[in-house]
């Protein structure tokens, strides 16, 4: 094949063997985020239900509670809640996001968590290659506005955002007095979403570096190396 504009030495051929799932010696690690600090938070209750389902499948689950997290730029990265979020992010192999819909959008509490997620040096993001499932709760009729916005964020953060998603309308009717979600098609959908997330995480964890490795960045790295090696002055 004639590819005059491609550095063939940096264009590695993908193979079936290279993309095979890896058997790791620890359970899949899933971080769950929600977007409300209310005493009765339906996004938190939905996340807790999702966490129970993931634990049933065999995942190790941790939930970040955003109460006390400062606004982005109102504190430094040494703030205890910011450090906690960053440590959980580094620990995780997949994530679940759930936000209430407010004014047709994700909540500011949820967005603040996303804005605290650091960007690493260069084009590589701390979230790159992690799996992601999306959920939202609404006080009124069913909506997908926040889901659509989060899907844009997940794609921009180079996460493996699964196709399925969950939207719970009139969430105040879907949970009992003990905070457990009632049987319904909405609950069944959450089971579907968590099952799909778990499968995608099994397929991709341990492989994220390879799956997100890109020709353009290999070319850039090679050029930078050449400049350093061939520089005339030190």
C-alpha atoms as a PDB file:
ATOM      1  CA  UNK A   1       0.000   0.000   0.000  1.00  0.00           C
ATOM      2  CA  UNK A   2       1.406   3.389  -1.017  1.00  0.00           C
ATOM      3  CA  UNK A   3       1.161   5.789   1.967  1.00  0.00           C
ATOM      4  CA  UNK A   4       3.694   8.549   1.261  1.00  0.00           C
ATOM      5  CA  UNK A   5       2.424  10.775   4.084  1.00  0.00           C
ATOM      6  CA  UNK A   6       2.718   8.086   6.766  1.00  0.00           C
ATOM      7  CA  UNK A   7       5.756   7.073   8.787  1.00  0.00           C
ATOM      8  CA  UNK A   8       5.412   3.305   8.348  1.00  0.00           C
ATOM      9  CA  UNK A   9       7.853   2.659  11.199  1.00  0.00           C
ATOM     10  CA  UNK A  10       5.375   4.279  13.607  1.00  0.00           C
ATOM     11  CA  UNK A  11       2.251   2.713  12.117  1.00  0.00           C
ATOM     12  CA  UNK A  12       1.894  -0.454  14.156  1.00  0.00           C
ATOM     13  CA  UNK A  13      -0.406  -3.129  12.741  1.00  0.00           C
ATOM     14  CA  UNK A  14      -3.263  -3.970  15.166  1.00  0.00           C
ATOM     15  CA  UNK A  15      -3.907  -7.688  15.555  1.00  0.00           C
ATOM     16  CA  UNK A  16      -6.511  -9.828  17.247  1.00  0.00           C
ATOM     17  CA  UNK A  17      -3.955 -11.060  19.769  1.00  0.00           C
ATOM     18  CA  UNK A  18      -3.022  -7.524  20.793  1.00  0.00           C
ATOM     19  CA  UNK A  19      -6.594  -6.497  21.582  1.00  0.00           C
ATOM     20  CA  UNK A  20      -7.533  -9.574  23.620  1.00  0.00           C
ATOM     21  CA  UNK A  21      -8.881  -8.973  27.113  1.00  0.00           C
ATOM     22  CA  UNK A  22      -6.381  -9.355  29.944  1.00  0.00           C
ATOM     23  CA  UNK A  23      -6.984 -11.517  33.022  1.00  0.00           C
ATOM     24  CA  UNK A  24      -6.016  -9.358  36.011  1.00  0.00           C
ATOM     25  CA  UNK A  25      -5.679 -10.523  39.598  1.00  0.00           C
ATOM     26  CA  UNK A  26      -8.051  -7.945  41.096  1.00  0.00           C
ATOM     27  CA  UNK A  27     -11.751  -7.208  40.737  1.00  0.00           C
ATOM     28  CA  UNK A  28     -12.825  -4.446  38.316  1.00  0.00           C
ATOM     29  CA  UNK A  29     -12.591  -1.096  40.116  1.00  0.00           C
ATOM     30  CA  UNK A  30     -15.559   1.205  39.540  1.00  0.00           C
ATOM     31  CA  UNK A  31     -15.867   4.781  40.841  1.00  0.00           C
ATOM     32  CA  UNK A  32     -19.382   6.223  41.130  1.00  0.00           C
ATOM     33  CA  UNK A  33     -20.164   9.962  41.092  1.00  0.00           C
ATOM     34  CA  UNK A  34     -23.481  11.685  41.792  1.00  0.00           C
ATOM     35  CA  UNK A  35     -24.633  15.289  41.689  1.00  0.00           C
ATOM     36  CA  UNK A  36     -26.642  16.383  44.723  1.00  0.00           C
ATOM     37  CA  UNK A  37     -25.878  17.194  48.367  1.00  0.00           C
ATOM     38  CA  UNK A  38     -29.506  17.105  49.505  1.00  0.00           C
ATOM     39  CA  UNK A  39     -30.389  14.993  52.525  1.00  0.00           C
ATOM     40  CA  UNK A  40     -32.619  12.951  50.237  1.00  0.00           C
ATOM     41  CA  UNK A  41     -30.609  12.791  47.025  1.00  0.00           C
ATOM     42  CA  UNK A  42     -32.156  10.659  44.320  1.00  0.00           C
ATOM     43  CA  UNK A  43     -28.985  10.715  42.243  1.00  0.00           C
ATOM     44  CA  UNK A  44     -27.169   9.292  45.289  1.00  0.00           C
ATOM     45  CA  UNK A  45     -29.856   6.656  45.828  1.00  0.00           C
ATOM     46  CA  UNK A  46     -29.668   5.670  42.154  1.00  0.00           C
ATOM     47  CA  UNK A  47     -25.872   5.447  42.367  1.00  0.00           C
ATOM     48  CA  UNK A  48     -26.138   3.246  45.450  1.00  0.00           C
ATOM     49  CA  UNK A  49     -28.471   0.891  43.589  1.00  0.00           C
ATOM     50  CA  UNK A  50     -26.028   0.801  40.687  1.00  0.00           C
ATOM     51  CA  UNK A  51     -23.217   0.036  43.106  1.00  0.00           C
ATOM     52  CA  UNK A  52     -25.082  -2.921  44.601  1.00  0.00           C
ATOM     53  CA  UNK A  53     -25.618  -4.407  41.146  1.00  0.00           C
ATOM     54  CA  UNK A  54     -21.943  -3.963  40.244  1.00  0.00           C
ATOM     55  CA  UNK A  55     -20.876  -5.590  43.505  1.00  0.00           C
ATOM     56  CA  UNK A  56     -23.127  -8.532  42.670  1.00  0.00           C
ATOM     57  CA  UNK A  57     -21.236  -8.947  39.394  1.00  0.00           C
ATOM     58  CA  UNK A  58     -17.951  -8.925  41.302  1.00  0.00           C
ATOM     59  CA  UNK A  59     -16.752  -5.324  41.020  1.00  0.00           C
ATOM     60  CA  UNK A  60     -15.013  -3.346  43.737  1.00  0.00           C
ATOM     61  CA  UNK A  61     -17.107  -0.197  44.128  1.00  0.00           C
ATOM     62  CA  UNK A  62     -16.304   3.174  45.674  1.00  0.00           C
ATOM     63  CA  UNK A  63     -18.638   6.196  45.813  1.00  0.00           C
ATOM     64  CA  UNK A  64     -17.313   9.756  45.988  1.00  0.00           C
ATOM     65  CA  UNK A  65     -19.502  11.982  48.151  1.00  0.00           C
ATOM     66  CA  UNK A  66     -19.175  15.564  46.861  1.00  0.00           C
ATOM     67  CA  UNK A  67     -20.266  17.416  50.011  1.00  0.00           C
ATOM     68  CA  UNK A  68     -17.411  19.714  50.978  1.00  0.00           C
ATOM     69  CA  UNK A  69     -15.784  19.736  47.544  1.00  0.00           C
ATOM     70  CA  UNK A  70     -14.852  23.362  46.760  1.00  0.00           C
ATOM     71  CA  UNK A  71     -15.663  25.056  43.499  1.00  0.00           C
ATOM     72  CA  UNK A  72     -12.949  24.672  40.880  1.00  0.00           C
ATOM     73  CA  UNK A  73     -10.278  27.379  41.323  1.00  0.00           C
ATOM     74  CA  UNK A  74     -11.556  28.220  44.837  1.00  0.00           C
ATOM     75  CA  UNK A  75      -8.964  25.870  46.350  1.00  0.00           C
ATOM     76  CA  UNK A  76      -5.798  24.032  45.440  1.00  0.00           C
ATOM     77  CA  UNK A  77      -5.259  20.389  44.605  1.00  0.00           C
ATOM     78  CA  UNK A  78      -4.096  19.775  48.203  1.00  0.00           C
ATOM     79  CA  UNK A  79      -7.647  20.299  49.491  1.00  0.00           C
ATOM     80  CA  UNK A  80      -8.711  17.024  51.213  1.00  0.00           C
ATOM     81  CA  UNK A  81     -11.804  16.488  49.053  1.00  0.00           C
ATOM     82  CA  UNK A  82      -9.889  17.231  45.856  1.00  0.00           C
ATOM     83  CA  UNK A  83      -7.126  14.811  46.862  1.00  0.00           C
ATOM     84  CA  UNK A  84      -9.755  12.179  47.670  1.00  0.00           C
ATOM     85  CA  UNK A  85     -11.344  12.573  44.240  1.00  0.00           C
ATOM     86  CA  UNK A  86      -7.984  12.372  42.458  1.00  0.00           C
ATOM     87  CA  UNK A  87      -6.944   9.276  44.403  1.00  0.00           C
ATOM     88  CA  UNK A  88     -10.233   7.529  43.604  1.00  0.00           C
ATOM     89  CA  UNK A  89      -9.873   8.471  39.955  1.00  0.00           C
ATOM     90  CA  UNK A  90      -6.369   6.981  39.794  1.00  0.00           C
ATOM     91  CA  UNK A  91      -7.656   3.812  41.510  1.00  0.00           C
ATOM     92  CA  UNK A  92     -10.598   3.285  39.159  1.00  0.00           C
ATOM     93  CA  UNK A  93     -10.822   1.370  35.895  1.00  0.00           C
ATOM     94  CA  UNK A  94     -14.388   2.456  35.134  1.00  0.00           C
ATOM     95  CA  UNK A  95     -16.906   5.053  36.278  1.00  0.00           C
ATOM     96  CA  UNK A  96     -20.639   5.635  36.675  1.00  0.00           C
ATOM     97  CA  UNK A  97     -21.963   9.188  36.542  1.00  0.00           C
ATOM     98  CA  UNK A  98     -25.434  10.164  37.740  1.00  0.00           C
ATOM     99  CA  UNK A  99     -26.745  13.715  37.925  1.00  0.00           C
ATOM    100  CA  UNK A 100     -30.104  15.294  38.647  1.00  0.00           C
ATOM    101  CA  UNK A 101     -31.366  17.435  35.806  1.00  0.00           C
ATOM    102  CA  UNK A 102     -31.603  21.097  36.812  1.00  0.00           C
ATOM    103  CA  UNK A 103     -32.740  23.777  34.379  1.00  0.00           C
ATOM    104  CA  UNK A 104     -32.389  21.250  31.564  1.00  0.00           C
ATOM    105  CA  UNK A 105     -28.767  20.515  32.423  1.00  0.00           C
ATOM    106  CA  UNK A 106     -26.489  18.579  34.756  1.00  0.00           C
ATOM    107  CA  UNK A 107     -26.184  20.027  38.249  1.00  0.00           C
ATOM    108  CA  UNK A 108     -23.363  22.389  39.204  1.00  0.00           C
ATOM    109  CA  UNK A 109     -22.393  19.953  41.977  1.00  0.00           C
ATOM    110  CA  UNK A 110     -21.837  17.225  39.425  1.00  0.00           C
ATOM    111  CA  UNK A 111     -20.043  19.474  36.929  1.00  0.00           C
ATOM    112  CA  UNK A 112     -17.686  20.707  39.663  1.00  0.00           C
ATOM    113  CA  UNK A 113     -16.482  17.132  40.167  1.00  0.00           C
ATOM    114  CA  UNK A 114     -15.772  16.782  36.457  1.00  0.00           C
ATOM    115  CA  UNK A 115     -13.949  20.128  36.394  1.00  0.00           C
ATOM    116  CA  UNK A 116     -11.670  18.975  39.215  1.00  0.00           C
ATOM    117  CA  UNK A 117     -10.556  15.931  37.229  1.00  0.00           C
ATOM    118  CA  UNK A 118      -6.985  16.746  36.174  1.00  0.00           C
ATOM    119  CA  UNK A 119      -5.568  16.718  32.681  1.00  0.00           C
ATOM    120  CA  UNK A 120      -2.182  15.041  32.450  1.00  0.00           C
ATOM    121  CA  UNK A 121       0.728  16.415  30.460  1.00  0.00           C
ATOM    122  CA  UNK A 122       0.298  16.578  26.719  1.00  0.00           C
ATOM    123  CA  UNK A 123      -2.806  15.088  25.126  1.00  0.00           C
ATOM    124  CA  UNK A 124      -3.200  12.168  27.558  1.00  0.00           C
ATOM    125  CA  UNK A 125      -6.085  12.557  29.984  1.00  0.00           C
ATOM    126  CA  UNK A 126      -6.356  10.936  33.400  1.00  0.00           C
ATOM    127  CA  UNK A 127      -9.687   9.438  32.329  1.00  0.00           C
ATOM    128  CA  UNK A 128      -8.443   8.096  28.991  1.00  0.00           C
ATOM    129  CA  UNK A 129      -9.379   4.465  28.375  1.00  0.00           C
ATOM    130  CA  UNK A 130     -11.625   4.097  31.423  1.00  0.00           C
ATOM    131  CA  UNK A 131     -15.140   2.772  30.879  1.00  0.00           C
ATOM    132  CA  UNK A 132     -18.122   4.997  31.663  1.00  0.00           C
ATOM    133  CA  UNK A 133     -21.862   4.496  32.234  1.00  0.00           C
ATOM    134  CA  UNK A 134     -24.308   7.409  32.377  1.00  0.00           C
ATOM    135  CA  UNK A 135     -27.466   7.942  34.459  1.00  0.00           C
ATOM    136  CA  UNK A 136     -29.736  10.850  35.277  1.00  0.00           C
ATOM    137  CA  UNK A 137     -32.715  11.472  37.545  1.00  0.00           C
ATOM    138  CA  UNK A 138     -35.455  14.016  36.916  1.00  0.00           C
ATOM    139  CA  UNK A 139     -38.152  15.592  39.055  1.00  0.00           C
ATOM    140  CA  UNK A 140     -40.548  15.711  36.120  1.00  0.00           C
ATOM    141  CA  UNK A 141     -41.072  13.875  32.863  1.00  0.00           C
ATOM    142  CA  UNK A 142     -38.364  11.743  31.305  1.00  0.00           C
ATOM    143  CA  UNK A 143     -35.524  13.693  29.767  1.00  0.00           C
ATOM    144  CA  UNK A 144     -32.174  12.938  28.157  1.00  0.00           C
ATOM    145  CA  UNK A 145     -30.620  16.422  28.239  1.00  0.00           C
ATOM    146  CA  UNK A 146     -28.099  15.677  30.994  1.00  0.00           C
ATOM    147  CA  UNK A 147     -27.282  12.287  29.511  1.00  0.00           C
ATOM    148  CA  UNK A 148     -26.475  13.908  26.180  1.00  0.00           C
ATOM    149  CA  UNK A 149     -24.250  16.491  27.869  1.00  0.00           C
ATOM    150  CA  UNK A 150     -22.415  13.858  29.901  1.00  0.00           C
ATOM    151  CA  UNK A 151     -21.910  11.764  26.788  1.00  0.00           C
ATOM    152  CA  UNK A 152     -20.165  14.735  25.157  1.00  0.00           C
ATOM    153  CA  UNK A 153     -17.971  15.071  28.251  1.00  0.00           C
ATOM    154  CA  UNK A 154     -17.165  11.365  28.296  1.00  0.00           C
ATOM    155  CA  UNK A 155     -16.170  11.401  24.637  1.00  0.00           C
ATOM    156  CA  UNK A 156     -14.066  14.550  25.071  1.00  0.00           C
ATOM    157  CA  UNK A 157     -12.317  12.962  28.081  1.00  0.00           C
ATOM    158  CA  UNK A 158     -11.585   9.931  25.849  1.00  0.00           C
ATOM    159  CA  UNK A 159     -13.513   7.499  27.966  1.00  0.00           C
ATOM    160  CA  UNK A 160     -15.071   4.303  26.634  1.00  0.00           C
ATOM    161  CA  UNK A 161     -18.666   5.446  27.117  1.00  0.00           C
ATOM    162  CA  UNK A 162     -21.025   2.485  26.779  1.00  0.00           C
ATOM    163  CA  UNK A 163     -24.075   2.768  24.479  1.00  0.00           C
ATOM    164  CA  UNK A 164     -26.735   2.017  27.099  1.00  0.00           C
ATOM    165  CA  UNK A 165     -27.900   4.656  29.596  1.00  0.00           C
ATOM    166  CA  UNK A 166     -30.511   5.260  32.309  1.00  0.00           C
ATOM    167  CA  UNK A 167     -33.001   8.107  32.755  1.00  0.00           C
ATOM    168  CA  UNK A 168     -35.370   8.026  35.747  1.00  0.00           C
ATOM    169  CA  UNK A 169     -38.337  10.438  35.523  1.00  0.00           C
ATOM    170  CA  UNK A 170     -40.255  11.553  38.627  1.00  0.00           C
ATOM    171  CA  UNK A 171     -37.551   9.973  40.730  1.00  0.00           C
ATOM    172  CA  UNK A 172     -39.387  10.818  43.959  1.00  0.00           C
ATOM    173  CA  UNK A 173     -41.932   8.119  43.039  1.00  0.00           C
ATOM    174  CA  UNK A 174     -39.339   5.426  42.285  1.00  0.00           C
ATOM    175  CA  UNK A 175     -37.804   4.936  45.742  1.00  0.00           C
ATOM    176  CA  UNK A 176     -39.353   3.583  48.934  1.00  0.00           C
ATOM    177  CA  UNK A 177     -39.069   4.986  52.466  1.00  0.00           C
ATOM    178  CA  UNK A 178     -35.846   3.019  52.995  1.00  0.00           C
ATOM    179  CA  UNK A 179     -34.184   4.599  49.978  1.00  0.00           C
ATOM    180  CA  UNK A 180     -34.361   1.458  47.857  1.00  0.00           C
ATOM    181  CA  UNK A 181     -35.545   1.640  44.267  1.00  0.00           C
ATOM    182  CA  UNK A 182     -38.879  -0.017  43.564  1.00  0.00           C
ATOM    183  CA  UNK A 183     -39.249  -2.710  40.885  1.00  0.00           C
ATOM    184  CA  UNK A 184     -39.983  -1.063  37.540  1.00  0.00           C
ATOM    185  CA  UNK A 185     -38.740  -0.864  33.961  1.00  0.00           C
ATOM    186  CA  UNK A 186     -36.474   1.972  35.160  1.00  0.00           C
ATOM    187  CA  UNK A 187     -34.809  -0.325  37.673  1.00  0.00           C
ATOM    188  CA  UNK A 188     -34.473  -3.048  35.028  1.00  0.00           C
ATOM    189  CA  UNK A 189     -32.717  -0.526  32.780  1.00  0.00           C
ATOM    190  CA  UNK A 190     -30.173   0.216  35.520  1.00  0.00           C
ATOM    191  CA  UNK A 191     -29.449  -3.508  35.745  1.00  0.00           C
ATOM    192  CA  UNK A 192     -28.927  -3.552  31.962  1.00  0.00           C
ATOM    193  CA  UNK A 193     -26.585  -0.553  32.098  1.00  0.00           C
ATOM    194  CA  UNK A 194     -24.457  -1.952  34.925  1.00  0.00           C
ATOM    195  CA  UNK A 195     -24.247  -5.351  33.240  1.00  0.00           C
ATOM    196  CA  UNK A 196     -23.030  -3.704  30.053  1.00  0.00           C
ATOM    197  CA  UNK A 197     -20.529  -1.540  31.938  1.00  0.00           C
ATOM    198  CA  UNK A 198     -19.117  -4.571  33.727  1.00  0.00           C
ATOM    199  CA  UNK A 199     -18.692  -6.453  30.436  1.00  0.00           C
ATOM    200  CA  UNK A 200     -16.960  -3.528  28.736  1.00  0.00           C
ATOM    201  CA  UNK A 201     -14.680  -3.080  31.748  1.00  0.00           C
ATOM    202  CA  UNK A 202     -13.656  -6.734  31.655  1.00  0.00           C
ATOM    203  CA  UNK A 203     -12.897  -6.360  27.946  1.00  0.00           C
ATOM    204  CA  UNK A 204     -10.804  -3.208  28.194  1.00  0.00           C
ATOM    205  CA  UNK A 205      -9.097  -2.975  31.597  1.00  0.00           C
ATOM    206  CA  UNK A 206      -5.406  -3.621  31.346  1.00  0.00           C
ATOM    207  CA  UNK A 207      -5.701  -2.720  27.652  1.00  0.00           C
ATOM    208  CA  UNK A 208      -6.467   0.994  27.853  1.00  0.00           C
ATOM    209  CA  UNK A 209      -2.892   2.080  27.045  1.00  0.00           C
ATOM    210  CA  UNK A 210      -2.872   0.002  23.869  1.00  0.00           C
ATOM    211  CA  UNK A 211      -6.442   0.793  22.832  1.00  0.00           C
ATOM    212  CA  UNK A 212      -5.913   4.544  23.179  1.00  0.00           C
ATOM    213  CA  UNK A 213      -2.408   4.628  21.685  1.00  0.00           C
ATOM    214  CA  UNK A 214      -2.520   6.851  18.599  1.00  0.00           C
ATOM    215  CA  UNK A 215      -0.323   7.262  15.543  1.00  0.00           C
ATOM    216  CA  UNK A 216      -0.412  11.078  15.762  1.00  0.00           C
ATOM    217  CA  UNK A 217       1.067  11.041  19.268  1.00  0.00           C
ATOM    218  CA  UNK A 218       3.742   8.506  18.304  1.00  0.00           C
ATOM    219  CA  UNK A 219       4.773  10.807  15.455  1.00  0.00           C
ATOM    220  CA  UNK A 220       4.900  13.797  17.777  1.00  0.00           C
ATOM    221  CA  UNK A 221       6.972  11.905  20.332  1.00  0.00           C
ATOM    222  CA  UNK A 222       9.429  10.758  17.668  1.00  0.00           C
ATOM    223  CA  UNK A 223       9.913  14.318  16.401  1.00  0.00           C
ATOM    224  CA  UNK A 224      10.530  15.642  19.917  1.00  0.00           C
ATOM    225  CA  UNK A 225      13.088  12.880  20.526  1.00  0.00           C
ATOM    226  CA  UNK A 226      14.869  13.715  17.268  1.00  0.00           C
ATOM    227  CA  UNK A 227      15.096  17.388  18.206  1.00  0.00           C
ATOM    228  CA  UNK A 228      16.611  16.577  21.597  1.00  0.00           C
ATOM    229  CA  UNK A 229      19.145  14.111  20.186  1.00  0.00           C
ATOM    230  CA  UNK A 230      20.199  16.373  17.316  1.00  0.00           C
ATOM    231  CA  UNK A 231      20.235  19.715  19.101  1.00  0.00           C
ATOM    232  CA  UNK A 232      23.409  21.742  18.502  1.00  0.00           C
ATOM    233  CA  UNK A 233      23.497  23.520  21.848  1.00  0.00           C
ATOM    234  CA  UNK A 234      22.862  22.298  25.380  1.00  0.00           C
END
